[in-house]
Amino acid sequence: MADQENKPQQKQINIELDENMAEGTYSNLAIINHSVSEFVVDFISIMPGRPKAKVRSRIILTPQHAKKFLKALGENVQRFEQAHGAIKDYDQPQIPLNFGPTGEA
Protein backbone atom coordinates (compact mmCIF):
# COMPACT_ATOMS: atom_id res chain seq x y z
CA MET A 1 0.00 0.00 0.00
CA ALA A 2 2.87 2.37 0.77
CA ASP A 3 4.21 1.88 -2.77
CA GLN A 4 0.97 3.14 -4.28
CA GLU A 5 0.97 6.22 -2.06
CA ASN A 6 4.51 7.19 -3.18
CA LYS A 7 3.83 6.84 -6.92
CA PRO A 8 2.80 10.03 -8.69
CA GLN A 9 -0.67 9.76 -10.18
CA GLN A 10 -0.76 9.80 -13.96
CA LYS A 11 -2.97 12.46 -15.45
CA GLN A 12 -5.10 11.56 -18.44
CA ILE A 13 -5.06 13.71 -21.54
CA ASN A 14 -8.10 13.91 -23.79
CA ILE A 15 -6.75 13.95 -27.35
CA GLU A 16 -9.07 14.82 -30.23
CA LEU A 17 -8.51 13.64 -33.79
CA ASP A 18 -10.70 15.23 -36.46
CA GLU A 19 -11.63 13.42 -39.68
CA ASN A 20 -9.14 15.21 -41.94
CA MET A 21 -6.23 14.61 -39.58
CA ALA A 22 -7.25 10.96 -39.10
CA GLU A 23 -6.75 10.35 -42.84
CA GLY A 24 -3.06 11.11 -42.41
CA THR A 25 -0.54 12.37 -44.93
CA TYR A 26 1.71 10.04 -46.93
CA SER A 27 5.44 10.67 -46.71
CA ASN A 28 8.35 8.75 -48.18
CA LEU A 29 11.08 11.22 -47.30
CA ALA A 30 11.93 13.12 -44.13
CA ILE A 31 14.46 15.93 -43.79
CA ILE A 32 15.68 16.70 -40.29
CA ASN A 33 17.42 19.90 -39.24
CA HIS A 34 18.20 21.23 -35.78
CA SER A 35 19.34 24.26 -33.89
CA VAL A 36 20.33 24.62 -30.25
CA SER A 37 16.69 24.84 -29.19
CA GLU A 38 14.68 22.72 -31.63
CA PHE A 39 14.52 19.89 -34.13
CA VAL A 40 12.60 20.50 -37.34
CA VAL A 41 11.27 17.46 -39.23
CA ASP A 42 9.87 18.05 -42.72
CA PHE A 43 7.81 15.18 -44.13
CA ILE A 44 7.81 15.08 -47.93
CA SER A 45 6.11 13.00 -50.59
CA ILE A 46 8.37 12.62 -53.60
CA MET A 47 7.26 10.73 -56.70
CA PRO A 48 9.63 8.92 -59.08
CA GLY A 49 10.50 10.88 -62.20
CA ARG A 50 9.17 14.16 -60.84
CA PRO A 51 11.79 16.83 -60.19
CA LYS A 52 9.69 18.71 -57.64
CA ALA A 53 8.23 17.74 -54.27
CA LYS A 54 6.44 19.64 -51.52
CA VAL A 55 6.77 19.52 -47.79
CA ARG A 56 3.49 17.96 -46.64
CA SER A 57 3.96 18.46 -42.92
CA ARG A 58 6.50 20.14 -40.63
CA ILE A 59 6.90 19.09 -37.02
CA ILE A 60 9.00 21.16 -34.61
CA LEU A 61 10.23 19.46 -31.42
CA THR A 62 12.30 20.46 -28.43
CA PRO A 63 15.52 18.43 -28.08
CA GLN A 64 13.96 16.55 -25.13
CA HIS A 65 10.86 15.63 -27.12
CA ALA A 66 12.98 14.65 -30.14
CA LYS A 67 14.87 12.20 -27.93
CA LYS A 68 11.63 10.79 -26.49
CA PHE A 69 10.24 10.46 -30.03
CA LEU A 70 13.39 8.62 -31.16
CA LYS A 71 13.05 6.18 -28.26
CA ALA A 72 9.33 5.61 -28.84
CA LEU A 73 9.82 5.11 -32.60
CA GLY A 74 12.68 2.66 -31.97
CA GLU A 75 10.54 0.65 -29.54
CA ASN A 76 7.67 0.52 -32.05
CA VAL A 77 9.95 -0.58 -34.91
CA GLN A 78 11.34 -3.32 -32.66
CA ARG A 79 7.82 -4.55 -31.78
CA PHE A 80 6.81 -4.42 -35.46
CA GLU A 81 9.83 -6.53 -36.46
CA GLN A 82 9.15 -9.04 -33.71
CA ALA A 83 5.62 -9.48 -35.05
CA HIS A 84 6.30 -9.25 -38.80
CA GLY A 85 10.00 -9.90 -39.38
CA ALA A 86 12.87 -7.59 -40.17
CA ILE A 87 12.20 -4.47 -42.19
CA LYS A 88 14.43 -4.53 -45.26
CA ASP A 89 16.53 -1.43 -45.84
CA TYR A 90 16.93 -1.16 -49.60
CA ASP A 91 19.86 0.80 -50.95
CA GLN A 92 18.44 3.61 -53.02
CA PRO A 93 20.27 6.31 -54.90
CA GLN A 94 20.74 9.52 -52.97
CA ILE A 95 18.19 12.15 -53.94
CA PRO A 96 19.82 15.54 -54.53
CA LEU A 97 17.91 18.09 -52.51
CA ASN A 98 17.84 21.81 -53.15
CA PHE A 99 16.21 23.83 -50.41
CA GLY A 100 18.12 27.03 -51.09
CA PRO A 101 19.99 28.85 -48.34
CA THR A 102 20.16 27.17 -44.97
CA GLY A 103 20.28 28.78 -41.58
CA GLU A 104 19.45 28.35 -37.94
CA ALA A 105 16.02 28.89 -36.50
PDB file of N, CA and C in Angstrom:
ATOM      1  N   MET A   1       0.822  -1.198   0.000  1.00  0.00           N
ATOM      2  CA  MET A   1       0.000   0.000   0.000  1.00  0.00           C
ATOM      3  C   MET A   1       0.864   1.259   0.000  1.00  0.00           C
ATOM      4  N   ALA A   2       1.987   1.203   0.717  1.00  0.00           N
ATOM      5  CA  ALA A   2       2.867   2.367   0.770  1.00  0.00           C
ATOM      6  C   ALA A   2       3.437   2.687  -0.607  1.00  0.00           C
ATOM      7  N   ASP A   3       3.687   1.647  -1.425  1.00  0.00           N
ATOM      8  CA  ASP A   3       4.212   1.878  -2.767  1.00  0.00           C
ATOM      9  C   ASP A   3       3.250   2.703  -3.609  1.00  0.00           C
ATOM     10  N   GLN A   4       1.961   2.410  -3.495  1.00  0.00           N
ATOM     11  CA  GLN A   4       0.970   3.138  -4.285  1.00  0.00           C
ATOM     12  C   GLN A   4       0.856   4.586  -3.837  1.00  0.00           C
ATOM     13  N   GLU A   5       1.065   4.852  -2.569  1.00  0.00           N
ATOM     14  CA  GLU A   5       0.970   6.219  -2.055  1.00  0.00           C
ATOM     15  C   GLU A   5       2.142   7.069  -2.539  1.00  0.00           C
ATOM     16  N   ASN A   6       3.319   6.455  -2.770  1.00  0.00           N
ATOM     17  CA  ASN A   6       4.510   7.187  -3.180  1.00  0.00           C
ATOM     18  C   ASN A   6       4.568   7.428  -4.684  1.00  0.00           C
ATOM     19  N   LYS A   7       3.811   6.674  -5.480  1.00  0.00           N
ATOM     20  CA  LYS A   7       3.830   6.836  -6.921  1.00  0.00           C
ATOM     21  C   LYS A   7       3.024   8.063  -7.320  1.00  0.00           C
ATOM     22  N   PRO A   8       3.591   8.893  -8.212  1.00  0.00           N
ATOM     23  CA  PRO A   8       2.798  10.031  -8.691  1.00  0.00           C
ATOM     24  C   PRO A   8       1.641   9.525  -9.556  1.00  0.00           C
ATOM     25  N   GLN A   9       0.494  10.154  -9.405  1.00  0.00           N
ATOM     26  CA  GLN A   9      -0.667   9.757 -10.182  1.00  0.00           C
ATOM     27  C   GLN A   9      -0.512  10.269 -11.606  1.00  0.00           C
ATOM     28  N   GLN A  10      -0.832   9.393 -12.569  1.00  0.00           N
ATOM     29  CA  GLN A  10      -0.760   9.798 -13.959  1.00  0.00           C
ATOM     30  C   GLN A  10      -2.033  10.543 -14.328  1.00  0.00           C
ATOM     31  N   LYS A  11      -1.837  11.681 -14.984  1.00  0.00           N
ATOM     32  CA  LYS A  11      -2.973  12.463 -15.446  1.00  0.00           C
ATOM     33  C   LYS A  11      -3.353  11.981 -16.836  1.00  0.00           C
ATOM     34  N   GLN A  12      -4.642  11.954 -17.128  1.00  0.00           N
ATOM     35  CA  GLN A  12      -5.101  11.557 -18.443  1.00  0.00           C
ATOM     36  C   GLN A  12      -5.258  12.796 -19.314  1.00  0.00           C
ATOM     37  N   ILE A  13      -4.929  12.633 -20.575  1.00  0.00           N
ATOM     38  CA  ILE A  13      -5.063  13.711 -21.541  1.00  0.00           C
ATOM     39  C   ILE A  13      -6.120  13.295 -22.551  1.00  0.00           C
ATOM     40  N   ASN A  14      -7.054  14.168 -22.800  1.00  0.00           N
ATOM     41  CA  ASN A  14      -8.098  13.912 -23.790  1.00  0.00           C
ATOM     42  C   ASN A  14      -7.598  14.458 -25.129  1.00  0.00           C
ATOM     43  N   ILE A  15      -7.293  13.555 -26.059  1.00  0.00           N
ATOM     44  CA  ILE A  15      -6.750  13.949 -27.351  1.00  0.00           C
ATOM     45  C   ILE A  15      -7.833  13.790 -28.412  1.00  0.00           C
ATOM     46  N   GLU A  16      -8.069  14.860 -29.165  1.00  0.00           N
ATOM     47  CA  GLU A  16      -9.066  14.822 -30.228  1.00  0.00           C
ATOM     48  C   GLU A  16      -8.385  14.640 -31.577  1.00  0.00           C
ATOM     49  N   LEU A  17      -9.031  13.881 -32.456  1.00  0.00           N
ATOM     50  CA  LEU A  17      -8.512  13.638 -33.789  1.00  0.00           C
ATOM     51  C   LEU A  17      -9.655  13.841 -34.769  1.00  0.00           C
ATOM     52  N   ASP A  18      -9.611  14.967 -35.521  1.00  0.00           N
ATOM     53  CA  ASP A  18     -10.700  15.225 -36.458  1.00  0.00           C
ATOM     54  C   ASP A  18     -10.551  14.344 -37.699  1.00  0.00           C
ATOM     55  N   GLU A  19     -11.588  14.316 -38.526  1.00  0.00           N
ATOM     56  CA  GLU A  19     -11.629  13.418 -39.684  1.00  0.00           C
ATOM     57  C   GLU A  19     -10.485  13.655 -40.662  1.00  0.00           C
ATOM     58  N   ASN A  20     -10.209  14.912 -40.984  1.00  0.00           N
ATOM     59  CA  ASN A  20      -9.136  15.214 -41.942  1.00  0.00           C
ATOM     60  C   ASN A  20      -7.780  14.764 -41.426  1.00  0.00           C
ATOM     61  N   MET A  21      -7.506  15.000 -40.162  1.00  0.00           N
ATOM     62  CA  MET A  21      -6.229  14.610 -39.582  1.00  0.00           C
ATOM     63  C   MET A  21      -6.132  13.087 -39.479  1.00  0.00           C
ATOM     64  N   ALA A  22      -7.238  12.417 -39.238  1.00  0.00           N
ATOM     65  CA  ALA A  22      -7.250  10.958 -39.105  1.00  0.00           C
ATOM     66  C   ALA A  22      -6.873  10.268 -40.413  1.00  0.00           C
ATOM     67  N   GLU A  23      -7.126  10.927 -41.548  1.00  0.00           N
ATOM     68  CA  GLU A  23      -6.752  10.345 -42.838  1.00  0.00           C
ATOM     69  C   GLU A  23      -5.242  10.260 -42.995  1.00  0.00           C
ATOM     70  N   GLY A  24      -4.512  11.129 -42.343  1.00  0.00           N
ATOM     71  CA  GLY A  24      -3.064  11.111 -42.414  1.00  0.00           C
ATOM     72  C   GLY A  24      -2.531  11.715 -43.694  1.00  0.00           C
ATOM     73  N   THR A  25      -1.224  11.842 -43.767  1.00  0.00           N
ATOM     74  CA  THR A  25      -0.537  12.368 -44.929  1.00  0.00           C
ATOM     75  C   THR A  25       0.603  11.428 -45.267  1.00  0.00           C
ATOM     76  N   TYR A  26       0.655  10.966 -46.512  1.00  0.00           N
ATOM     77  CA  TYR A  26       1.705  10.044 -46.931  1.00  0.00           C
ATOM     78  C   TYR A  26       3.033  10.775 -47.067  1.00  0.00           C
ATOM     79  N   SER A  27       4.094  10.126 -46.586  1.00  0.00           N
ATOM     80  CA  SER A  27       5.436  10.673 -46.712  1.00  0.00           C
ATOM     81  C   SER A  27       6.406   9.535 -46.982  1.00  0.00           C
ATOM     82  N   ASN A  28       7.313   9.745 -47.940  1.00  0.00           N
ATOM     83  CA  ASN A  28       8.349   8.749 -48.183  1.00  0.00           C
ATOM     84  C   ASN A  28       9.753   9.363 -48.092  1.00  0.00           C
ATOM     85  N   LEU A  29       9.805  10.548 -47.512  1.00  0.00           N
ATOM     86  CA  LEU A  29      11.084  11.221 -47.300  1.00  0.00           C
ATOM     87  C   LEU A  29      10.931  12.167 -46.118  1.00  0.00           C
ATOM     88  N   ALA A  30      11.924  12.175 -45.249  1.00  0.00           N
ATOM     89  CA  ALA A  30      11.931  13.116 -44.131  1.00  0.00           C
ATOM     90  C   ALA A  30      13.282  13.816 -44.100  1.00  0.00           C
ATOM     91  N   ILE A  31      13.251  15.115 -43.924  1.00  0.00           N
ATOM     92  CA  ILE A  31      14.458  15.927 -43.791  1.00  0.00           C
ATOM     93  C   ILE A  31      14.470  16.463 -42.361  1.00  0.00           C
ATOM     94  N   ILE A  32      15.591  16.273 -41.682  1.00  0.00           N
ATOM     95  CA  ILE A  32      15.682  16.700 -40.286  1.00  0.00           C
ATOM     96  C   ILE A  32      16.792  17.724 -40.140  1.00  0.00           C
ATOM     97  N   ASN A  33      16.455  18.858 -39.560  1.00  0.00           N
ATOM     98  CA  ASN A  33      17.424  19.904 -39.236  1.00  0.00           C
ATOM     99  C   ASN A  33      17.286  20.226 -37.758  1.00  0.00           C
ATOM    100  N   HIS A  34      18.305  20.846 -37.190  1.00  0.00           N
ATOM    101  CA  HIS A  34      18.204  21.228 -35.783  1.00  0.00           C
ATOM    102  C   HIS A  34      19.014  22.487 -35.500  1.00  0.00           C
ATOM    103  N   SER A  35      18.593  23.137 -34.444  1.00  0.00           N
ATOM    104  CA  SER A  35      19.341  24.261 -33.890  1.00  0.00           C
ATOM    105  C   SER A  35      19.586  23.922 -32.423  1.00  0.00           C
ATOM    106  N   VAL A  36      20.077  24.856 -31.676  1.00  0.00           N
ATOM    107  CA  VAL A  36      20.335  24.620 -30.254  1.00  0.00           C
ATOM    108  C   VAL A  36      19.035  24.339 -29.502  1.00  0.00           C
ATOM    109  N   SER A  37      17.922  24.920 -29.958  1.00  0.00           N
ATOM    110  CA  SER A  37      16.686  24.841 -29.187  1.00  0.00           C
ATOM    111  C   SER A  37      15.589  23.973 -29.782  1.00  0.00           C
ATOM    112  N   GLU A  38      15.776  23.484 -31.037  1.00  0.00           N
ATOM    113  CA  GLU A  38      14.681  22.723 -31.627  1.00  0.00           C
ATOM    114  C   GLU A  38      15.158  21.796 -32.742  1.00  0.00           C
ATOM    115  N   PHE A  39      14.356  20.777 -32.987  1.00  0.00           N
ATOM    116  CA  PHE A  39      14.516  19.886 -34.128  1.00  0.00           C
ATOM    117  C   PHE A  39      13.345  20.154 -35.060  1.00  0.00           C
ATOM    118  N   VAL A  40      13.631  20.266 -36.350  1.00  0.00           N
ATOM    119  CA  VAL A  40      12.595  20.496 -37.345  1.00  0.00           C
ATOM    120  C   VAL A  40      12.582  19.291 -38.279  1.00  0.00           C
ATOM    121  N   VAL A  41      11.422  18.631 -38.371  1.00  0.00           N
ATOM    122  CA  VAL A  41      11.272  17.459 -39.232  1.00  0.00           C
ATOM    123  C   VAL A  41      10.273  17.812 -40.323  1.00  0.00           C
ATOM    124  N   ASP A  42      10.739  17.817 -41.563  1.00  0.00           N
ATOM    125  CA  ASP A  42       9.872  18.053 -42.717  1.00  0.00           C
ATOM    126  C   ASP A  42       9.551  16.704 -43.349  1.00  0.00           C
ATOM    127  N   PHE A  43       8.262  16.409 -43.479  1.00  0.00           N
ATOM    128  CA  PHE A  43       7.807  15.184 -44.127  1.00  0.00           C
ATOM    129  C   PHE A  43       7.401  15.524 -45.552  1.00  0.00           C
ATOM    130  N   ILE A  44       7.948  14.772 -46.510  1.00  0.00           N
ATOM    131  CA  ILE A  44       7.812  15.080 -47.926  1.00  0.00           C
ATOM    132  C   ILE A  44       7.308  13.847 -48.660  1.00  0.00           C
ATOM    133  N   SER A  45       6.519  14.075 -49.692  1.00  0.00           N
ATOM    134  CA  SER A  45       6.106  13.004 -50.590  1.00  0.00           C
ATOM    135  C   SER A  45       6.739  13.288 -51.934  1.00  0.00           C
ATOM    136  N   ILE A  46       7.670  12.430 -52.339  1.00  0.00           N
ATOM    137  CA  ILE A  46       8.369  12.617 -53.602  1.00  0.00           C
ATOM    138  C   ILE A  46       8.016  11.441 -54.513  1.00  0.00           C
ATOM    139  N   MET A  47       7.666  11.760 -55.746  1.00  0.00           N
ATOM    140  CA  MET A  47       7.264  10.735 -56.700  1.00  0.00           C
ATOM    141  C   MET A  47       8.379  10.496 -57.714  1.00  0.00           C
ATOM    142  N   PRO A  48       8.577   9.236 -58.104  1.00  0.00           N
ATOM    143  CA  PRO A  48       9.634   8.922 -59.084  1.00  0.00           C
ATOM    144  C   PRO A  48       9.437   9.686 -60.385  1.00  0.00           C
ATOM    145  N   GLY A  49      10.536  10.188 -60.918  1.00  0.00           N
ATOM    146  CA  GLY A  49      10.501  10.878 -62.201  1.00  0.00           C
ATOM    147  C   GLY A  49      10.005  12.307 -62.138  1.00  0.00           C
ATOM    148  N   ARG A  50       9.634  12.774 -60.971  1.00  0.00           N
ATOM    149  CA  ARG A  50       9.172  14.163 -60.838  1.00  0.00           C
ATOM    150  C   ARG A  50      10.256  14.971 -60.139  1.00  0.00           C
ATOM    151  N   PRO A  51      10.675  16.065 -60.748  1.00  0.00           N
ATOM    152  CA  PRO A  51      11.791  16.833 -60.193  1.00  0.00           C
ATOM    153  C   PRO A  51      11.411  17.712 -59.000  1.00  0.00           C
ATOM    154  N   LYS A  52      10.132  17.809 -58.691  1.00  0.00           N
ATOM    155  CA  LYS A  52       9.689  18.707 -57.641  1.00  0.00           C
ATOM    156  C   LYS A  52       8.873  17.944 -56.603  1.00  0.00           C
ATOM    157  N   ALA A  53       9.015  18.330 -55.350  1.00  0.00           N
ATOM    158  CA  ALA A  53       8.231  17.744 -54.269  1.00  0.00           C
ATOM    159  C   ALA A  53       7.915  18.837 -53.262  1.00  0.00           C
ATOM    160  N   LYS A  54       6.832  18.655 -52.517  1.00  0.00           N
ATOM    161  CA  LYS A  54       6.439  19.641 -51.516  1.00  0.00           C
ATOM    162  C   LYS A  54       6.519  19.053 -50.117  1.00  0.00           C
ATOM    163  N   VAL A  55       6.854  19.912 -49.183  1.00  0.00           N
ATOM    164  CA  VAL A  55       6.769  19.524 -47.785  1.00  0.00           C
ATOM    165  C   VAL A  55       5.289  19.389 -47.452  1.00  0.00           C
ATOM    166  N   ARG A  56       4.897  18.233 -46.960  1.00  0.00           N
ATOM    167  CA  ARG A  56       3.489  17.960 -46.639  1.00  0.00           C
ATOM    168  C   ARG A  56       3.164  18.273 -45.190  1.00  0.00           C
ATOM    169  N   SER A  57       4.183  18.178 -44.340  1.00  0.00           N
ATOM    170  CA  SER A  57       3.964  18.464 -42.921  1.00  0.00           C
ATOM    171  C   SER A  57       5.299  18.821 -42.289  1.00  0.00           C
ATOM    172  N   ARG A  58       5.296  19.761 -41.371  1.00  0.00           N
ATOM    173  CA  ARG A  58       6.496  20.139 -40.629  1.00  0.00           C
ATOM    174  C   ARG A  58       6.191  20.002 -39.144  1.00  0.00           C
ATOM    175  N   ILE A  59       7.045  19.275 -38.455  1.00  0.00           N
ATOM    176  CA  ILE A  59       6.902  19.093 -37.015  1.00  0.00           C
ATOM    177  C   ILE A  59       8.133  19.697 -36.349  1.00  0.00           C
ATOM    178  N   ILE A  60       7.909  20.519 -35.336  1.00  0.00           N
ATOM    179  CA  ILE A  60       9.002  21.159 -34.608  1.00  0.00           C
ATOM    180  C   ILE A  60       8.974  20.630 -33.181  1.00  0.00           C
ATOM    181  N   LEU A  61      10.120  20.096 -32.735  1.00  0.00           N
ATOM    182  CA  LEU A  61      10.227  19.458 -31.423  1.00  0.00           C
ATOM    183  C   LEU A  61      11.346  20.092 -30.605  1.00  0.00           C
ATOM    184  N   THR A  62      11.180  20.097 -29.305  1.00  0.00           N
ATOM    185  CA  THR A  62      12.295  20.460 -28.433  1.00  0.00           C
ATOM    186  C   THR A  62      13.294  19.303 -28.465  1.00  0.00           C
ATOM    187  N   PRO A  63      14.560  19.542 -28.115  1.00  0.00           N
ATOM    188  CA  PRO A  63      15.519  18.433 -28.075  1.00  0.00           C
ATOM    189  C   PRO A  63      15.058  17.282 -27.174  1.00  0.00           C
ATOM    190  N   GLN A  64      14.441  17.599 -26.040  1.00  0.00           N
ATOM    191  CA  GLN A  64      13.965  16.551 -25.130  1.00  0.00           C
ATOM    192  C   GLN A  64      12.861  15.721 -25.772  1.00  0.00           C
ATOM    193  N   HIS A  65      11.937  16.369 -26.460  1.00  0.00           N
ATOM    194  CA  HIS A  65      10.860  15.632 -27.117  1.00  0.00           C
ATOM    195  C   HIS A  65      11.379  14.852 -28.325  1.00  0.00           C
ATOM    196  N   ALA A  66      12.382  15.380 -29.016  1.00  0.00           N
ATOM    197  CA  ALA A  66      12.979  14.653 -30.139  1.00  0.00           C
ATOM    198  C   ALA A  66      13.592  13.346 -29.634  1.00  0.00           C
ATOM    199  N   LYS A  67      14.257  13.403 -28.490  1.00  0.00           N
ATOM    200  CA  LYS A  67      14.873  12.198 -27.930  1.00  0.00           C
ATOM    201  C   LYS A  67      13.807  11.195 -27.487  1.00  0.00           C
ATOM    202  N   LYS A  68      12.727  11.681 -26.878  1.00  0.00           N
ATOM    203  CA  LYS A  68      11.626  10.791 -26.485  1.00  0.00           C
ATOM    204  C   LYS A  68      10.972  10.172 -27.716  1.00  0.00           C
ATOM    205  N   PHE A  69      10.821  10.962 -28.790  1.00  0.00           N
ATOM    206  CA  PHE A  69      10.238  10.462 -30.033  1.00  0.00           C
ATOM    207  C   PHE A  69      11.122   9.375 -30.635  1.00  0.00           C
ATOM    208  N   LEU A  70      12.442   9.601 -30.651  1.00  0.00           N
ATOM    209  CA  LEU A  70      13.387   8.624 -31.161  1.00  0.00           C
ATOM    210  C   LEU A  70      13.261   7.303 -30.403  1.00  0.00           C
ATOM    211  N   LYS A  71      13.181   7.386 -29.085  1.00  0.00           N
ATOM    212  CA  LYS A  71      13.053   6.179 -28.255  1.00  0.00           C
ATOM    213  C   LYS A  71      11.732   5.464 -28.542  1.00  0.00           C
ATOM    214  N   ALA A  72      10.638   6.212 -28.603  1.00  0.00           N
ATOM    215  CA  ALA A  72       9.329   5.611 -28.844  1.00  0.00           C
ATOM    216  C   ALA A  72       9.262   4.978 -30.236  1.00  0.00           C
ATOM    217  N   LEU A  73       9.819   5.656 -31.240  1.00  0.00           N
ATOM    218  CA  LEU A  73       9.818   5.106 -32.596  1.00  0.00           C
ATOM    219  C   LEU A  73      10.665   3.836 -32.654  1.00  0.00           C
ATOM    220  N   GLY A  74      11.817   3.849 -32.008  1.00  0.00           N
ATOM    221  CA  GLY A  74      12.677   2.664 -31.971  1.00  0.00           C
ATOM    222  C   GLY A  74      11.980   1.478 -31.320  1.00  0.00           C
ATOM    223  N   GLU A  75      11.270   1.721 -30.216  1.00  0.00           N
ATOM    224  CA  GLU A  75      10.536   0.647 -29.538  1.00  0.00           C
ATOM    225  C   GLU A  75       9.432   0.099 -30.432  1.00  0.00           C
ATOM    226  N   ASN A  76       8.743   0.972 -31.161  1.00  0.00           N
ATOM    227  CA  ASN A  76       7.669   0.522 -32.051  1.00  0.00           C
ATOM    228  C   ASN A  76       8.208  -0.249 -33.244  1.00  0.00           C
ATOM    229  N   VAL A  77       9.339   0.166 -33.808  1.00  0.00           N
ATOM    230  CA  VAL A  77       9.952  -0.577 -34.907  1.00  0.00           C
ATOM    231  C   VAL A  77      10.359  -1.964 -34.414  1.00  0.00           C
ATOM    232  N   GLN A  78      10.924  -2.029 -33.228  1.00  0.00           N
ATOM    233  CA  GLN A  78      11.336  -3.318 -32.657  1.00  0.00           C
ATOM    234  C   GLN A  78      10.133  -4.247 -32.472  1.00  0.00           C
ATOM    235  N   ARG A  79       9.028  -3.726 -31.948  1.00  0.00           N
ATOM    236  CA  ARG A  79       7.816  -4.547 -31.776  1.00  0.00           C
ATOM    237  C   ARG A  79       7.261  -4.990 -33.126  1.00  0.00           C
ATOM    238  N   PHE A  80       7.279  -4.088 -34.117  1.00  0.00           N
ATOM    239  CA  PHE A  80       6.810  -4.422 -35.460  1.00  0.00           C
ATOM    240  C   PHE A  80       7.634  -5.579 -36.028  1.00  0.00           C
ATOM    241  N   GLU A  81       8.965  -5.486 -35.911  1.00  0.00           N
ATOM    242  CA  GLU A  81       9.831  -6.525 -36.461  1.00  0.00           C
ATOM    243  C   GLU A  81       9.680  -7.845 -35.726  1.00  0.00           C
ATOM    244  N   GLN A  82       9.403  -7.802 -34.443  1.00  0.00           N
ATOM    245  CA  GLN A  82       9.149  -9.041 -33.705  1.00  0.00           C
ATOM    246  C   GLN A  82       7.879  -9.716 -34.210  1.00  0.00           C
ATOM    247  N   ALA A  83       6.895  -8.929 -34.580  1.00  0.00           N
ATOM    248  CA  ALA A  83       5.620  -9.479 -35.047  1.00  0.00           C
ATOM    249  C   ALA A  83       5.639  -9.842 -36.522  1.00  0.00           C
ATOM    250  N   HIS A  84       6.394  -9.106 -37.349  1.00  0.00           N
ATOM    251  CA  HIS A  84       6.295  -9.252 -38.799  1.00  0.00           C
ATOM    252  C   HIS A  84       7.617  -9.582 -39.497  1.00  0.00           C
ATOM    253  N   GLY A  85       8.688  -9.655 -38.773  1.00  0.00           N
ATOM    254  CA  GLY A  85       9.997  -9.904 -39.385  1.00  0.00           C
ATOM    255  C   GLY A  85      10.742  -8.604 -39.638  1.00  0.00           C
ATOM    256  N   ALA A  86      12.000  -8.757 -39.983  1.00  0.00           N
ATOM    257  CA  ALA A  86      12.872  -7.590 -40.171  1.00  0.00           C
ATOM    258  C   ALA A  86      12.397  -6.715 -41.329  1.00  0.00           C
ATOM    259  N   ILE A  87      12.500  -5.434 -41.137  1.00  0.00           N
ATOM    260  CA  ILE A  87      12.203  -4.467 -42.194  1.00  0.00           C
ATOM    261  C   ILE A  87      13.450  -4.368 -43.061  1.00  0.00           C
ATOM    262  N   LYS A  88      13.290  -4.592 -44.355  1.00  0.00           N
ATOM    263  CA  LYS A  88      14.430  -4.529 -45.264  1.00  0.00           C
ATOM    264  C   LYS A  88      14.762  -3.074 -45.571  1.00  0.00           C
ATOM    265  N   ASP A  89      16.042  -2.771 -45.532  1.00  0.00           N
ATOM    266  CA  ASP A  89      16.526  -1.430 -45.839  1.00  0.00           C
ATOM    267  C   ASP A  89      17.174  -1.475 -47.207  1.00  0.00           C
ATOM    268  N   TYR A  90      16.432  -1.105 -48.228  1.00  0.00           N
ATOM    269  CA  TYR A  90      16.931  -1.160 -49.599  1.00  0.00           C
ATOM    270  C   TYR A  90      17.852   0.013 -49.874  1.00  0.00           C
ATOM    271  N   ASP A  91      18.971  -0.275 -50.527  1.00  0.00           N
ATOM    272  CA  ASP A  91      19.860   0.801 -50.952  1.00  0.00           C
ATOM    273  C   ASP A  91      19.207   1.526 -52.112  1.00  0.00           C
ATOM    274  N   GLN A  92      19.027   2.807 -51.961  1.00  0.00           N
ATOM    275  CA  GLN A  92      18.442   3.609 -53.021  1.00  0.00           C
ATOM    276  C   GLN A  92      19.392   4.752 -53.325  1.00  0.00           C
ATOM    277  N   PRO A  93      19.387   5.197 -54.565  1.00  0.00           N
ATOM    278  CA  PRO A  93      20.272   6.314 -54.901  1.00  0.00           C
ATOM    279  C   PRO A  93      19.915   7.551 -54.086  1.00  0.00           C
ATOM    280  N   GLN A  94      20.940   8.283 -53.736  1.00  0.00           N
ATOM    281  CA  GLN A  94      20.737   9.515 -52.973  1.00  0.00           C
ATOM    282  C   GLN A  94      19.987  10.526 -53.816  1.00  0.00           C
ATOM    283  N   ILE A  95      18.985  11.144 -53.237  1.00  0.00           N
ATOM    284  CA  ILE A  95      18.193  12.148 -53.941  1.00  0.00           C
ATOM    285  C   ILE A  95      18.830  13.512 -53.696  1.00  0.00           C
ATOM    286  N   PRO A  96      19.267  14.201 -54.749  1.00  0.00           N
ATOM    287  CA  PRO A  96      19.822  15.540 -54.527  1.00  0.00           C
ATOM    288  C   PRO A  96      18.707  16.495 -54.114  1.00  0.00           C
ATOM    289  N   LEU A  97      18.921  17.182 -53.031  1.00  0.00           N
ATOM    290  CA  LEU A  97      17.907  18.093 -52.506  1.00  0.00           C
ATOM    291  C   LEU A  97      18.391  19.530 -52.632  1.00  0.00           C
ATOM    292  N   ASN A  98      17.499  20.408 -53.027  1.00  0.00           N
ATOM    293  CA  ASN A  98      17.838  21.811 -53.152  1.00  0.00           C
ATOM    294  C   ASN A  98      16.798  22.623 -52.424  1.00  0.00           C
ATOM    295  N   PHE A  99      17.125  23.032 -51.213  1.00  0.00           N
ATOM    296  CA  PHE A  99      16.213  23.835 -50.411  1.00  0.00           C
ATOM    297  C   PHE A  99      16.651  25.292 -50.345  1.00  0.00           C
ATOM    298  N   GLY A 100      17.653  25.655 -51.116  1.00  0.00           N
ATOM    299  CA  GLY A 100      18.118  27.034 -51.092  1.00  0.00           C
ATOM    300  C   GLY A 100      19.000  27.274 -49.890  1.00  0.00           C
ATOM    301  N   PRO A 101      19.099  28.526 -49.462  1.00  0.00           N
ATOM    302  CA  PRO A 101      19.989  28.853 -48.342  1.00  0.00           C
ATOM    303  C   PRO A 101      19.543  28.170 -47.056  1.00  0.00           C
ATOM    304  N   THR A 102      20.492  27.786 -46.245  1.00  0.00           N
ATOM    305  CA  THR A 102      20.162  27.168 -44.971  1.00  0.00           C
ATOM    306  C   THR A 102      20.572  28.103 -43.845  1.00  0.00           C
ATOM    307  N   GLY A 103      19.953  27.936 -42.728  1.00  0.00           N
ATOM    308  CA  GLY A 103      20.276  28.780 -41.580  1.00  0.00           C
ATOM    309  C   GLY A 103      19.727  28.162 -40.319  1.00  0.00           C
ATOM    310  N   GLU A 104      19.937  28.837 -39.217  1.00  0.00           N
ATOM    311  CA  GLU A 104      19.447  28.353 -37.941  1.00  0.00           C
ATOM    312  C   GLU A 104      18.164  29.056 -37.582  1.00  0.00           C
ATOM    313  N   ALA A 105      17.293  28.306 -36.938  1.00  0.00           N
ATOM    314  CA  ALA A 105      16.018  28.886 -36.500  1.00  0.00           C
ATOM    315  C   ALA A 105      16.193  29.574 -35.174  1.00  0.00           C
TER     316      ALA A 105
END
